[in-house]
Amino acid sequence: MRQSRHSDSLKFEPRDPNFARRVREAFAGQAMLASLGVEFCRIEPGFCELQLPYREDISQNHGYFHGGAIATLADVSGGFAGWSLLPEGMWIVTVEYKTNIVAPGRGERLIGRGRVVRAGRSLTTTEIEILAVENGRETLCATALQTLMAVQAQPLKGTP
């Protein structure tokens, strides 16, 4: 298992004791993530891990994961990490993110690990690592830095 460059000492307290349930429900309701095949792995206060199994229809011409799939995994891994710290009734939207692909997305799956760096009143900053897993070995594929904004939640699509 690849060791993170971030300290595990960065701990956050969620403002909603039901944050894990809310994150799982919101994840399950996102049709785009389902269509890509993104899978939920882990949620902790200020941390989210997702994975994306390889499929040919989300690859580029050389058979690697497409950059759009890599960037999407980064965006949602960081977004759910940030959302885990908000009180009930608030939602998070991405203001900006930059993804640097540092190695080909080659392997059986990608893992996205999003971590909150700073949680402010309205803006949250996250760092995300995207790891390509090939033959059980994790290789850093991309890094991302993201800014999120807390907004008043609107009813989710398909809910009364």
N, C-alpha and C. Protein backbone atom coordinates (compact mmCIF):
# COMPACT_ATOMS: atom_id res chain seq x y z
N MET A 1 0.85 -1.18 0.00
CA MET A 1 0.00 0.00 0.00
C MET A 1 0.89 1.24 0.00
N ARG A 2 0.59 2.17 -0.83
CA ARG A 2 1.36 3.40 -0.94
C ARG A 2 1.11 4.26 0.29
N GLN A 3 2.17 4.81 0.85
CA GLN A 3 2.05 5.69 2.01
C GLN A 3 1.70 7.10 1.53
N SER A 4 0.73 7.71 2.14
CA SER A 4 0.31 9.06 1.79
C SER A 4 1.37 10.05 2.22
N ARG A 5 1.48 11.15 1.49
CA ARG A 5 2.40 12.20 1.88
C ARG A 5 1.79 13.12 2.93
N HIS A 6 0.56 12.88 3.30
CA HIS A 6 -0.13 13.70 4.29
C HIS A 6 -0.15 13.00 5.63
N SER A 7 -0.06 13.78 6.68
CA SER A 7 -0.11 13.23 8.02
C SER A 7 -1.52 12.82 8.38
N ASP A 8 -1.65 11.70 9.06
CA ASP A 8 -2.96 11.29 9.56
C ASP A 8 -3.35 12.08 10.79
N SER A 9 -2.47 12.99 11.25
CA SER A 9 -2.77 13.76 12.45
C SER A 9 -3.76 14.89 12.17
N LEU A 10 -4.05 15.16 10.91
CA LEU A 10 -4.99 16.20 10.54
C LEU A 10 -6.40 15.64 10.73
N LYS A 11 -6.99 15.89 11.89
CA LYS A 11 -8.31 15.34 12.23
C LYS A 11 -9.34 16.46 12.25
N PHE A 12 -10.53 16.14 11.79
CA PHE A 12 -11.63 17.09 11.77
C PHE A 12 -12.83 16.51 12.50
N GLU A 13 -13.63 17.38 13.06
CA GLU A 13 -14.87 16.98 13.71
C GLU A 13 -16.03 17.31 12.77
N PRO A 14 -16.86 16.33 12.43
CA PRO A 14 -18.01 16.63 11.58
C PRO A 14 -19.05 17.44 12.35
N ARG A 15 -19.74 18.35 11.66
CA ARG A 15 -20.78 19.14 12.31
C ARG A 15 -22.13 18.43 12.25
N ASP A 16 -22.18 17.29 11.59
CA ASP A 16 -23.39 16.48 11.52
C ASP A 16 -23.00 15.05 11.90
N PRO A 17 -23.55 14.51 12.98
CA PRO A 17 -23.19 13.14 13.36
C PRO A 17 -23.62 12.10 12.32
N ASN A 18 -24.55 12.46 11.44
CA ASN A 18 -25.01 11.54 10.39
C ASN A 18 -24.33 11.79 9.05
N PHE A 19 -23.14 12.40 9.07
CA PHE A 19 -22.46 12.76 7.82
C PHE A 19 -22.23 11.55 6.91
N ALA A 20 -21.86 10.41 7.48
CA ALA A 20 -21.55 9.24 6.64
C ALA A 20 -22.78 8.77 5.88
N ARG A 21 -23.92 8.73 6.54
CA ARG A 21 -25.17 8.32 5.88
C ARG A 21 -25.52 9.31 4.77
N ARG A 22 -25.42 10.62 5.06
CA ARG A 22 -25.74 11.64 4.05
C ARG A 22 -24.83 11.52 2.83
N VAL A 23 -23.53 11.31 3.06
CA VAL A 23 -22.59 11.19 1.95
C VAL A 23 -22.91 9.95 1.11
N ARG A 24 -23.16 8.83 1.75
CA ARG A 24 -23.48 7.60 1.01
C ARG A 24 -24.76 7.77 0.18
N GLU A 25 -25.77 8.40 0.75
CA GLU A 25 -27.03 8.62 0.03
C GLU A 25 -26.82 9.56 -1.16
N ALA A 26 -26.07 10.62 -0.95
CA ALA A 26 -25.81 11.56 -2.05
C ALA A 26 -24.99 10.89 -3.15
N PHE A 27 -24.00 10.11 -2.75
CA PHE A 27 -23.20 9.38 -3.74
C PHE A 27 -24.09 8.46 -4.57
N ALA A 28 -24.96 7.72 -3.90
CA ALA A 28 -25.83 6.76 -4.58
C ALA A 28 -26.79 7.45 -5.55
N GLY A 29 -27.09 8.72 -5.32
CA GLY A 29 -28.03 9.44 -6.17
C GLY A 29 -27.41 10.14 -7.36
N GLN A 30 -26.11 10.01 -7.57
CA GLN A 30 -25.46 10.70 -8.69
C GLN A 30 -25.34 9.77 -9.89
N ALA A 31 -26.20 10.00 -10.87
CA ALA A 31 -26.27 9.14 -12.05
C ALA A 31 -24.96 9.13 -12.84
N MET A 32 -24.26 10.26 -12.91
CA MET A 32 -23.02 10.29 -13.68
C MET A 32 -21.98 9.36 -13.07
N LEU A 33 -21.90 9.34 -11.75
CA LEU A 33 -20.93 8.45 -11.10
C LEU A 33 -21.29 6.99 -11.35
N ALA A 34 -22.58 6.69 -11.32
CA ALA A 34 -23.03 5.33 -11.62
C ALA A 34 -22.68 4.95 -13.06
N SER A 35 -22.88 5.88 -13.99
CA SER A 35 -22.60 5.56 -15.40
C SER A 35 -21.11 5.34 -15.63
N LEU A 36 -20.25 6.04 -14.88
CA LEU A 36 -18.81 5.82 -14.99
C LEU A 36 -18.37 4.54 -14.28
N GLY A 37 -19.16 4.11 -13.30
CA GLY A 37 -18.80 2.92 -12.53
C GLY A 37 -18.02 3.24 -11.27
N VAL A 38 -18.06 4.49 -10.80
CA VAL A 38 -17.35 4.87 -9.58
C VAL A 38 -17.97 4.14 -8.40
N GLU A 39 -17.12 3.62 -7.53
CA GLU A 39 -17.56 2.86 -6.36
C GLU A 39 -17.14 3.56 -5.08
N PHE A 40 -18.04 3.53 -4.11
CA PHE A 40 -17.79 4.15 -2.81
C PHE A 40 -16.95 3.20 -1.96
N CYS A 41 -15.89 3.71 -1.34
CA CYS A 41 -15.03 2.87 -0.49
C CYS A 41 -15.09 3.28 0.97
N ARG A 42 -14.79 4.55 1.26
CA ARG A 42 -14.63 4.95 2.65
C ARG A 42 -14.91 6.43 2.83
N ILE A 43 -15.53 6.76 3.97
CA ILE A 43 -15.76 8.16 4.32
C ILE A 43 -15.41 8.33 5.80
N GLU A 44 -14.66 9.36 6.09
CA GLU A 44 -14.32 9.77 7.45
C GLU A 44 -14.43 11.29 7.46
N PRO A 45 -14.48 11.90 8.64
CA PRO A 45 -14.53 13.37 8.66
C PRO A 45 -13.32 13.97 7.92
N GLY A 46 -13.58 14.66 6.83
CA GLY A 46 -12.52 15.29 6.05
C GLY A 46 -11.77 14.38 5.11
N PHE A 47 -12.27 13.17 4.88
CA PHE A 47 -11.58 12.21 4.02
C PHE A 47 -12.61 11.38 3.25
N CYS A 48 -12.33 11.12 1.98
CA CYS A 48 -13.18 10.25 1.17
C CYS A 48 -12.31 9.44 0.23
N GLU A 49 -12.63 8.16 0.11
CA GLU A 49 -11.94 7.29 -0.83
C GLU A 49 -12.97 6.65 -1.75
N LEU A 50 -12.74 6.79 -3.05
CA LEU A 50 -13.58 6.21 -4.08
C LEU A 50 -12.69 5.40 -5.01
N GLN A 51 -13.29 4.52 -5.79
CA GLN A 51 -12.50 3.81 -6.80
C GLN A 51 -13.27 3.71 -8.10
N LEU A 52 -12.52 3.54 -9.16
CA LEU A 52 -13.09 3.44 -10.49
C LEU A 52 -12.45 2.26 -11.21
N PRO A 53 -13.19 1.15 -11.39
CA PRO A 53 -12.65 0.01 -12.13
C PRO A 53 -12.46 0.37 -13.61
N TYR A 54 -11.45 -0.24 -14.21
CA TYR A 54 -11.16 0.02 -15.62
C TYR A 54 -12.25 -0.55 -16.52
N ARG A 55 -12.61 0.23 -17.50
CA ARG A 55 -13.47 -0.22 -18.60
C ARG A 55 -12.95 0.45 -19.87
N GLU A 56 -13.05 -0.23 -20.97
CA GLU A 56 -12.55 0.31 -22.23
C GLU A 56 -13.27 1.60 -22.61
N ASP A 57 -14.56 1.72 -22.29
CA ASP A 57 -15.31 2.90 -22.72
C ASP A 57 -14.97 4.16 -21.91
N ILE A 58 -14.11 4.05 -20.88
CA ILE A 58 -13.63 5.25 -20.18
C ILE A 58 -12.11 5.37 -20.32
N SER A 59 -11.60 4.79 -21.40
CA SER A 59 -10.17 4.86 -21.67
C SER A 59 -9.91 5.77 -22.88
N GLN A 60 -8.63 6.10 -23.05
CA GLN A 60 -8.24 6.89 -24.22
C GLN A 60 -7.61 5.95 -25.26
N ASN A 61 -7.05 6.51 -26.31
CA ASN A 61 -6.60 5.71 -27.47
C ASN A 61 -5.52 4.68 -27.16
N HIS A 62 -4.73 4.90 -26.11
CA HIS A 62 -3.66 3.97 -25.77
C HIS A 62 -4.07 2.96 -24.70
N GLY A 63 -5.34 3.01 -24.29
CA GLY A 63 -5.83 2.05 -23.32
C GLY A 63 -5.70 2.48 -21.87
N TYR A 64 -5.21 3.69 -21.63
CA TYR A 64 -5.14 4.21 -20.26
C TYR A 64 -6.48 4.84 -19.90
N PHE A 65 -6.71 5.03 -18.60
CA PHE A 65 -7.90 5.78 -18.19
C PHE A 65 -7.86 7.16 -18.84
N HIS A 66 -8.98 7.61 -19.32
CA HIS A 66 -9.10 8.93 -19.94
C HIS A 66 -8.89 10.01 -18.89
N GLY A 67 -8.27 11.12 -19.27
CA GLY A 67 -8.04 12.23 -18.36
C GLY A 67 -9.33 12.77 -17.76
N GLY A 68 -10.42 12.72 -18.52
CA GLY A 68 -11.71 13.18 -17.99
C GLY A 68 -12.20 12.30 -16.85
N ALA A 69 -11.96 11.00 -16.95
CA ALA A 69 -12.34 10.09 -15.87
C ALA A 69 -11.47 10.33 -14.64
N ILE A 70 -10.18 10.57 -14.86
CA ILE A 70 -9.25 10.86 -13.76
C ILE A 70 -9.68 12.14 -13.04
N ALA A 71 -9.96 13.18 -13.81
CA ALA A 71 -10.35 14.46 -13.22
C ALA A 71 -11.69 14.37 -12.49
N THR A 72 -12.63 13.62 -13.04
CA THR A 72 -13.92 13.44 -12.38
C THR A 72 -13.74 12.74 -11.04
N LEU A 73 -12.93 11.69 -11.01
CA LEU A 73 -12.69 10.97 -9.76
C LEU A 73 -12.04 11.91 -8.74
N ALA A 74 -11.12 12.75 -9.18
CA ALA A 74 -10.50 13.72 -8.27
C ALA A 74 -11.54 14.69 -7.71
N ASP A 75 -12.37 15.23 -8.58
CA ASP A 75 -13.37 16.22 -8.16
C ASP A 75 -14.32 15.65 -7.11
N VAL A 76 -14.85 14.46 -7.34
CA VAL A 76 -15.83 13.92 -6.40
C VAL A 76 -15.19 13.36 -5.13
N SER A 77 -13.97 12.85 -5.21
CA SER A 77 -13.28 12.39 -4.00
C SER A 77 -13.03 13.56 -3.06
N GLY A 78 -12.56 14.67 -3.60
CA GLY A 78 -12.36 15.87 -2.78
C GLY A 78 -13.67 16.48 -2.33
N GLY A 79 -14.66 16.49 -3.21
CA GLY A 79 -15.94 17.09 -2.89
C GLY A 79 -16.64 16.40 -1.73
N PHE A 80 -16.67 15.08 -1.74
CA PHE A 80 -17.30 14.37 -0.64
C PHE A 80 -16.48 14.48 0.65
N ALA A 81 -15.15 14.57 0.54
CA ALA A 81 -14.33 14.80 1.74
C ALA A 81 -14.73 16.13 2.38
N GLY A 82 -14.88 17.17 1.57
CA GLY A 82 -15.27 18.47 2.08
C GLY A 82 -16.68 18.48 2.64
N TRP A 83 -17.59 17.83 1.94
CA TRP A 83 -19.00 17.81 2.37
C TRP A 83 -19.18 17.10 3.70
N SER A 84 -18.29 16.14 3.99
CA SER A 84 -18.41 15.38 5.24
C SER A 84 -18.33 16.26 6.48
N LEU A 85 -17.79 17.46 6.35
CA LEU A 85 -17.61 18.35 7.50
C LEU A 85 -18.72 19.38 7.65
N LEU A 86 -19.63 19.46 6.69
CA LEU A 86 -20.67 20.49 6.74
C LEU A 86 -21.86 20.06 7.60
N PRO A 87 -22.55 21.02 8.16
CA PRO A 87 -23.76 20.68 8.92
C PRO A 87 -24.88 20.25 7.97
N GLU A 88 -25.86 19.56 8.54
CA GLU A 88 -27.02 19.17 7.76
C GLU A 88 -27.67 20.43 7.18
N GLY A 89 -28.19 20.32 5.97
CA GLY A 89 -28.82 21.46 5.31
C GLY A 89 -27.89 22.25 4.42
N MET A 90 -26.62 21.87 4.40
CA MET A 90 -25.64 22.54 3.54
C MET A 90 -25.13 21.54 2.50
N TRP A 91 -24.75 22.08 1.38
CA TRP A 91 -24.21 21.29 0.27
C TRP A 91 -22.89 21.92 -0.13
N ILE A 92 -22.11 21.21 -0.91
CA ILE A 92 -20.83 21.71 -1.36
C ILE A 92 -20.83 21.77 -2.87
N VAL A 93 -20.26 22.82 -3.43
CA VAL A 93 -20.07 22.91 -4.88
C VAL A 93 -18.61 23.23 -5.15
N THR A 94 -18.12 22.71 -6.25
CA THR A 94 -16.74 22.97 -6.63
C THR A 94 -16.63 24.37 -7.21
N VAL A 95 -15.71 25.14 -6.68
CA VAL A 95 -15.43 26.47 -7.20
C VAL A 95 -14.32 26.36 -8.25
N GLU A 96 -13.31 25.57 -7.92
CA GLU A 96 -12.17 25.45 -8.82
C GLU A 96 -11.36 24.21 -8.44
N TYR A 97 -10.77 23.56 -9.42
CA TYR A 97 -9.79 22.52 -9.11
C TYR A 97 -8.81 22.40 -10.26
N LYS A 98 -7.61 21.99 -9.89
CA LYS A 98 -6.54 21.79 -10.87
C LYS A 98 -6.02 20.38 -10.67
N THR A 99 -5.98 19.64 -11.74
CA THR A 99 -5.50 18.27 -11.70
C THR A 99 -4.23 18.16 -12.53
N ASN A 100 -3.20 17.59 -11.92
CA ASN A 100 -1.96 17.31 -12.63
C ASN A 100 -1.84 15.81 -12.79
N ILE A 101 -1.86 15.34 -14.03
CA ILE A 101 -1.65 13.93 -14.30
C ILE A 101 -0.14 13.74 -14.39
N VAL A 102 0.39 12.90 -13.49
CA VAL A 102 1.84 12.75 -13.39
C VAL A 102 2.33 11.41 -13.94
N ALA A 103 1.42 10.49 -14.22
CA ALA A 103 1.76 9.18 -14.80
C ALA A 103 0.50 8.65 -15.48
N PRO A 104 0.66 7.76 -16.45
CA PRO A 104 -0.52 7.21 -17.12
C PRO A 104 -1.44 6.50 -16.14
N GLY A 105 -2.72 6.64 -16.37
CA GLY A 105 -3.73 5.92 -15.58
C GLY A 105 -3.84 4.52 -16.13
N ARG A 106 -2.91 3.66 -15.73
CA ARG A 106 -2.82 2.31 -16.28
C ARG A 106 -3.07 1.30 -15.18
N GLY A 107 -3.98 0.37 -15.43
CA GLY A 107 -4.21 -0.67 -14.45
C GLY A 107 -5.65 -1.12 -14.40
N GLU A 108 -5.94 -1.89 -13.37
CA GLU A 108 -7.28 -2.46 -13.20
C GLU A 108 -8.27 -1.45 -12.64
N ARG A 109 -7.75 -0.46 -11.88
CA ARG A 109 -8.65 0.52 -11.29
C ARG A 109 -7.86 1.75 -10.85
N LEU A 110 -8.61 2.80 -10.59
CA LEU A 110 -8.07 4.02 -9.99
C LEU A 110 -8.66 4.14 -8.60
N ILE A 111 -7.88 4.69 -7.69
CA ILE A 111 -8.36 5.03 -6.35
C ILE A 111 -8.22 6.53 -6.19
N GLY A 112 -9.29 7.17 -5.74
CA GLY A 112 -9.26 8.59 -5.44
C GLY A 112 -9.33 8.80 -3.95
N ARG A 113 -8.34 9.49 -3.39
CA ARG A 113 -8.31 9.78 -1.95
C ARG A 113 -8.30 11.29 -1.76
N GLY A 114 -9.43 11.81 -1.31
CA GLY A 114 -9.56 13.24 -1.06
C GLY A 114 -9.44 13.55 0.41
N ARG A 115 -8.66 14.61 0.72
CA ARG A 115 -8.45 15.03 2.11
C ARG A 115 -8.65 16.53 2.23
N VAL A 116 -9.35 16.93 3.27
CA VAL A 116 -9.51 18.36 3.54
C VAL A 116 -8.20 18.87 4.11
N VAL A 117 -7.74 19.98 3.55
CA VAL A 117 -6.56 20.67 4.05
C VAL A 117 -6.98 21.75 5.03
N ARG A 118 -8.00 22.50 4.64
CA ARG A 118 -8.53 23.56 5.49
C ARG A 118 -10.03 23.67 5.28
N ALA A 119 -10.76 23.69 6.36
CA ALA A 119 -12.21 23.84 6.30
C ALA A 119 -12.58 25.18 6.90
N GLY A 120 -12.96 26.13 6.05
CA GLY A 120 -13.38 27.43 6.52
C GLY A 120 -14.90 27.50 6.64
N ARG A 121 -15.39 28.68 6.96
CA ARG A 121 -16.84 28.85 7.12
C ARG A 121 -17.57 28.65 5.80
N SER A 122 -17.02 29.23 4.72
CA SER A 122 -17.69 29.08 3.42
C SER A 122 -16.82 28.38 2.38
N LEU A 123 -15.50 28.46 2.50
CA LEU A 123 -14.61 27.82 1.53
C LEU A 123 -13.81 26.70 2.21
N THR A 124 -13.68 25.61 1.48
CA THR A 124 -12.90 24.45 1.94
C THR A 124 -11.89 24.11 0.87
N THR A 125 -10.67 23.78 1.29
CA THR A 125 -9.62 23.38 0.37
C THR A 125 -9.31 21.91 0.58
N THR A 126 -9.20 21.17 -0.52
CA THR A 126 -8.86 19.75 -0.44
C THR A 126 -7.66 19.45 -1.34
N GLU A 127 -6.98 18.37 -0.99
CA GLU A 127 -5.94 17.79 -1.84
C GLU A 127 -6.38 16.37 -2.16
N ILE A 128 -6.14 15.97 -3.38
CA ILE A 128 -6.58 14.64 -3.82
C ILE A 128 -5.42 13.92 -4.47
N GLU A 129 -5.30 12.64 -4.17
CA GLU A 129 -4.37 11.76 -4.86
C GLU A 129 -5.19 10.76 -5.66
N ILE A 130 -4.80 10.58 -6.91
CA ILE A 130 -5.38 9.52 -7.74
C ILE A 130 -4.28 8.49 -7.95
N LEU A 131 -4.57 7.26 -7.56
CA LEU A 131 -3.61 6.17 -7.66
C LEU A 131 -4.11 5.17 -8.69
N ALA A 132 -3.22 4.76 -9.58
CA ALA A 132 -3.53 3.70 -10.53
C ALA A 132 -3.07 2.38 -9.91
N VAL A 133 -3.93 1.38 -9.92
CA VAL A 133 -3.61 0.08 -9.34
C VAL A 133 -3.43 -0.92 -10.47
N GLU A 134 -2.22 -1.46 -10.55
CA GLU A 134 -1.90 -2.46 -11.57
C GLU A 134 -1.19 -3.63 -10.90
N ASN A 135 -1.76 -4.82 -11.03
CA ASN A 135 -1.21 -6.02 -10.39
C ASN A 135 -1.01 -5.82 -8.89
N GLY A 136 -1.95 -5.14 -8.24
CA GLY A 136 -1.90 -4.93 -6.81
C GLY A 136 -0.98 -3.81 -6.35
N ARG A 137 -0.31 -3.16 -7.27
CA ARG A 137 0.64 -2.09 -6.92
C ARG A 137 0.03 -0.73 -7.21
N GLU A 138 0.06 0.16 -6.21
CA GLU A 138 -0.46 1.52 -6.36
C GLU A 138 0.64 2.45 -6.85
N THR A 139 0.32 3.23 -7.91
CA THR A 139 1.24 4.23 -8.44
C THR A 139 0.52 5.55 -8.52
N LEU A 140 1.17 6.61 -8.04
CA LEU A 140 0.57 7.93 -8.13
C LEU A 140 0.35 8.27 -9.60
N CYS A 141 -0.88 8.58 -9.93
CA CYS A 141 -1.27 8.90 -11.30
C CYS A 141 -1.54 10.39 -11.46
N ALA A 142 -2.18 10.99 -10.44
CA ALA A 142 -2.53 12.42 -10.53
C ALA A 142 -2.65 13.00 -9.13
N THR A 143 -2.44 14.29 -9.06
CA THR A 143 -2.71 15.05 -7.83
C THR A 143 -3.63 16.19 -8.21
N ALA A 144 -4.41 16.63 -7.25
CA ALA A 144 -5.32 17.75 -7.51
C ALA A 144 -5.43 18.60 -6.26
N LEU A 145 -5.68 19.88 -6.49
CA LEU A 145 -5.97 20.84 -5.44
C LEU A 145 -7.32 21.44 -5.77
N GLN A 146 -8.17 21.55 -4.80
CA GLN A 146 -9.57 21.92 -5.05
C GLN A 146 -10.06 22.94 -4.03
N THR A 147 -10.90 23.86 -4.49
CA THR A 147 -11.60 24.79 -3.62
C THR A 147 -13.09 24.52 -3.75
N LEU A 148 -13.74 24.37 -2.60
CA LEU A 148 -15.16 24.08 -2.53
C LEU A 148 -15.87 25.21 -1.79
N MET A 149 -17.14 25.42 -2.11
CA MET A 149 -17.94 26.43 -1.42
C MET A 149 -19.17 25.78 -0.81
N ALA A 150 -19.46 26.14 0.43
CA ALA A 150 -20.66 25.67 1.11
C ALA A 150 -21.85 26.52 0.66
N VAL A 151 -22.93 25.86 0.30
CA VAL A 151 -24.16 26.55 -0.12
C VAL A 151 -25.35 25.89 0.57
N GLN A 152 -26.43 26.63 0.64
CA GLN A 152 -27.66 26.08 1.21
C GLN A 152 -28.13 24.95 0.31
N ALA A 153 -28.46 23.82 0.91
CA ALA A 153 -28.88 22.65 0.14
C ALA A 153 -30.23 22.88 -0.53
N GLN A 154 -30.34 22.39 -1.73
CA GLN A 154 -31.61 22.36 -2.46
C GLN A 154 -32.09 20.92 -2.44
N PRO A 155 -33.39 20.68 -2.61
CA PRO A 155 -33.85 19.28 -2.67
C PRO A 155 -33.12 18.54 -3.80
N LEU A 156 -32.69 17.32 -3.53
CA LEU A 156 -32.03 16.53 -4.55
C LEU A 156 -33.02 16.08 -5.59
N LYS A 157 -32.55 15.91 -6.82
CA LYS A 157 -33.41 15.42 -7.89
C LYS A 157 -34.06 14.12 -7.48
N GLY A 158 -35.35 14.03 -7.75
CA GLY A 158 -36.07 12.80 -7.46
C GLY A 158 -36.58 12.71 -6.03
N THR A 159 -36.38 13.77 -5.22
CA THR A 159 -36.91 13.76 -3.86
C THR A 159 -38.03 14.79 -3.75
N PRO A 160 -38.98 14.56 -2.85
CA PRO A 160 -40.11 15.51 -2.71
C PRO A 160 -39.68 16.84 -2.12
